[in-house]
């Protein structure tokens, strides 16, 4: 009987460890970030990821308020997410903007603010997360930051009536940092 109790306790302990949220060794200093993309006080970093093979699709469309003029319009992103050790931990795609863990949990969110980054790179971003779907790493995530962006801006190619509807895919890289209470 005692051996069964010890075995049961060990199994419960291992199960609890397996259910812990993903963590990372990379800690973000919010005070060093531009104010618009800082998370509110009281939020704790839950997870840090970086993208692998990030792609953003743009489409040449007529401007909404300027008939006859065209522009490249953001269609959506797709990227793999890795932890600090380079292990694949999830994916990012949209619309809507969705971060999905390999454990099946996922969050969507809405942009709250952006801050400029280096020329030729999409801006830094702060997103307010909707409640997570599913149990796992994304459960309890309240905010997401997009940091250290490289690339991802709209194509430099011409966008005009002749190529209306054409899509172009551009590469990008970024870190995504997840917070919760």
Protein backbone atom coordinates (compact mmCIF):
# COMPACT_ATOMS: atom_id res chain seq x y z
CA UNK A 1 0.00 0.00 0.00
CA UNK A 2 2.80 2.42 0.91
CA UNK A 3 4.58 1.78 -2.40
CA UNK A 4 1.35 2.51 -4.32
CA UNK A 5 0.94 5.80 -2.41
CA UNK A 6 4.53 6.84 -3.20
CA UNK A 7 4.07 5.87 -6.86
CA UNK A 8 0.82 7.86 -7.03
CA UNK A 9 2.46 10.94 -5.45
CA UNK A 10 5.40 10.72 -7.86
CA UNK A 11 3.02 10.47 -10.83
CA UNK A 12 1.04 13.49 -9.63
CA UNK A 13 4.23 15.51 -9.17
CA UNK A 14 5.48 14.64 -12.65
CA UNK A 15 2.08 15.47 -14.12
CA UNK A 16 2.08 18.86 -12.42
CA UNK A 17 5.54 19.61 -13.82
CA UNK A 18 4.41 18.69 -17.32
CA UNK A 19 1.48 21.11 -17.05
CA UNK A 20 3.63 24.12 -16.07
CA UNK A 21 3.61 26.93 -18.65
CA UNK A 22 6.56 27.25 -21.00
CA UNK A 23 9.20 29.61 -19.71
CA UNK A 24 12.29 31.16 -21.14
CA UNK A 25 15.67 32.31 -19.97
CA UNK A 26 15.34 35.63 -21.85
CA UNK A 27 13.94 38.36 -19.64
CA UNK A 28 12.75 41.66 -21.09
CA UNK A 29 13.46 44.97 -19.32
CA UNK A 30 10.24 46.89 -20.03
CA UNK A 31 11.71 50.15 -18.72
CA UNK A 32 14.20 50.10 -21.62
CA UNK A 33 11.44 49.85 -24.25
CA UNK A 34 9.60 52.76 -25.88
CA UNK A 35 6.71 53.71 -23.60
CA UNK A 36 3.87 52.87 -26.03
CA UNK A 37 4.86 49.17 -26.13
CA UNK A 38 5.55 48.64 -22.41
CA UNK A 39 3.20 46.27 -20.61
CA UNK A 40 1.20 47.72 -17.70
CA UNK A 41 2.59 47.42 -14.17
CA UNK A 42 1.71 44.16 -12.46
CA UNK A 43 2.15 41.98 -15.55
CA UNK A 44 4.73 39.18 -15.34
CA UNK A 45 6.62 37.71 -18.27
CA UNK A 46 5.41 34.16 -18.97
CA UNK A 47 7.15 33.26 -22.21
CA UNK A 48 9.69 34.61 -24.69
CA UNK A 49 9.80 33.34 -28.29
CA UNK A 50 11.47 34.26 -31.53
CA UNK A 51 10.20 33.69 -35.06
CA UNK A 52 11.51 31.25 -37.59
CA UNK A 53 10.86 31.79 -41.27
CA UNK A 54 8.42 34.63 -40.70
CA UNK A 55 6.48 35.75 -43.78
CA UNK A 56 4.03 38.61 -44.25
CA UNK A 57 1.72 38.73 -47.27
CA UNK A 58 0.74 42.07 -48.83
CA UNK A 59 -1.75 42.68 -51.65
CA UNK A 60 -1.91 45.54 -54.14
CA UNK A 61 -5.31 47.21 -53.65
CA UNK A 62 -7.04 50.46 -54.49
CA UNK A 63 -6.84 52.98 -51.64
CA UNK A 64 -10.14 53.25 -49.76
CA UNK A 65 -10.31 57.03 -49.79
CA UNK A 66 -8.45 57.75 -53.02
CA UNK A 67 -10.06 56.29 -56.15
CA UNK A 68 -7.53 55.36 -58.79
CA UNK A 69 -4.62 55.25 -56.35
CA UNK A 70 -3.17 51.96 -55.13
CA UNK A 71 -1.13 50.72 -52.18
CA UNK A 72 0.26 47.54 -50.68
CA UNK A 73 -2.14 46.33 -47.94
CA UNK A 74 -1.23 43.92 -45.14
CA UNK A 75 -3.02 40.58 -45.65
CA UNK A 76 -1.53 38.39 -42.92
CA UNK A 77 1.51 36.82 -41.26
CA UNK A 78 2.74 33.28 -40.72
CA UNK A 79 5.77 32.26 -38.62
CA UNK A 80 7.09 29.48 -36.47
CA UNK A 81 7.87 30.29 -32.82
CA UNK A 82 10.98 29.00 -31.02
CA UNK A 83 12.09 29.21 -27.40
CA UNK A 84 15.51 30.42 -26.24
CA UNK A 85 17.00 26.96 -26.89
CA UNK A 86 15.79 26.94 -30.52
CA UNK A 87 13.04 24.40 -29.85
CA UNK A 88 9.83 24.83 -31.89
CA UNK A 89 7.10 25.80 -29.41
CA UNK A 90 4.30 27.11 -31.61
CA UNK A 91 3.21 29.25 -34.52
CA UNK A 92 1.87 32.71 -35.30
CA UNK A 93 -0.65 33.40 -38.07
CA UNK A 94 -3.61 35.56 -39.00
CA UNK A 95 -5.94 37.20 -39.40
CA UNK A 96 -6.97 37.43 -36.73
CA UNK A 97 -3.55 37.64 -35.11
CA UNK A 98 -3.20 34.23 -33.42
CA UNK A 99 -0.38 32.77 -31.36
CA UNK A 100 -0.74 29.00 -30.96
CA UNK A 101 1.36 26.77 -28.70
CA UNK A 102 2.29 23.23 -29.69
CA UNK A 103 0.11 22.10 -26.76
CA UNK A 104 -2.96 23.36 -28.68
CA UNK A 105 -3.68 26.43 -26.53
CA UNK A 106 -3.89 29.72 -28.40
CA UNK A 107 -4.67 33.41 -28.02
CA UNK A 108 -5.82 36.10 -30.37
CA UNK A 109 -5.35 39.78 -29.72
CA UNK A 110 -5.85 43.36 -30.78
CA UNK A 111 -3.11 45.92 -31.29
CA UNK A 112 -2.98 48.60 -28.60
CA UNK A 113 0.13 50.53 -29.66
CA UNK A 114 3.19 50.58 -31.89
CA UNK A 115 6.60 52.23 -31.70
CA UNK A 116 8.99 52.86 -34.59
CA UNK A 117 11.89 50.53 -35.12
CA UNK A 118 14.86 50.64 -37.48
CA UNK A 119 14.14 51.72 -41.07
CA UNK A 120 12.99 48.81 -43.25
CA UNK A 121 11.45 46.94 -40.31
CA UNK A 122 7.88 46.68 -39.09
CA UNK A 123 7.22 48.59 -35.85
CA UNK A 124 7.43 47.24 -32.33
CA UNK A 125 3.95 46.39 -31.05
CA UNK A 126 1.86 45.90 -27.91
CA UNK A 127 -1.18 43.62 -28.18
CA UNK A 128 -3.98 43.04 -25.67
CA UNK A 129 -4.71 39.31 -25.66
CA UNK A 130 -8.21 37.86 -25.64
CA UNK A 131 -8.83 34.98 -23.20
CA UNK A 132 -6.95 31.84 -24.26
CA UNK A 133 -8.62 28.98 -26.05
CA UNK A 134 -7.64 25.60 -24.61
CA UNK A 135 -5.48 24.76 -21.63
CA UNK A 136 -1.74 25.13 -21.78
CA UNK A 137 1.03 27.65 -22.28
CA UNK A 138 -1.24 30.41 -23.60
CA UNK A 139 -3.67 30.21 -20.70
CA UNK A 140 -3.55 33.42 -18.66
CA UNK A 141 -1.73 35.48 -21.32
CA UNK A 142 -2.92 39.08 -21.11
CA UNK A 143 -0.44 41.03 -23.28
CA UNK A 144 1.97 40.25 -26.10
CA UNK A 145 4.88 42.38 -27.29
CA UNK A 146 6.48 42.19 -30.73
CA UNK A 147 10.11 43.27 -30.32
CA UNK A 148 13.43 43.22 -32.22
CA UNK A 149 11.71 43.28 -35.60
CA UNK A 150 13.73 42.90 -38.78
CA UNK A 151 12.14 43.33 -42.23
CA UNK A 152 8.46 42.75 -42.92
CA UNK A 153 7.63 46.12 -44.47
CA UNK A 154 5.45 46.46 -47.56
CA UNK A 155 7.15 45.62 -50.86
CA UNK A 156 9.10 48.30 -52.71
CA UNK A 157 7.65 47.04 -56.00
CA UNK A 158 5.16 49.27 -57.81
CA UNK A 159 1.50 48.91 -56.88
CA UNK A 160 -0.85 50.24 -59.55
CA UNK A 161 -4.03 49.40 -61.47
CA UNK A 162 -2.01 47.06 -63.71
CA UNK A 163 -1.10 44.76 -60.82
CA UNK A 164 -4.15 45.25 -58.61
CA UNK A 165 -4.81 42.01 -56.70
CA UNK A 166 -1.19 40.85 -56.94
CA UNK A 167 0.25 39.48 -53.72
CA UNK A 168 3.84 39.73 -52.52
CA UNK A 169 5.37 37.87 -49.58
CA UNK A 170 8.16 39.47 -47.55
CA UNK A 171 10.34 37.92 -44.86
CA UNK A 172 10.52 39.15 -41.30
CA UNK A 173 11.88 38.20 -37.89
CA UNK A 174 10.72 39.27 -34.45
CA UNK A 175 10.61 38.28 -30.81
CA UNK A 176 7.19 37.74 -29.22
CA UNK A 177 6.99 38.13 -25.45
CA UNK A 178 3.91 36.94 -23.53
CA UNK A 179 2.72 38.34 -20.18
CA UNK A 180 0.08 37.49 -17.61
CA UNK A 181 -0.85 38.09 -13.98
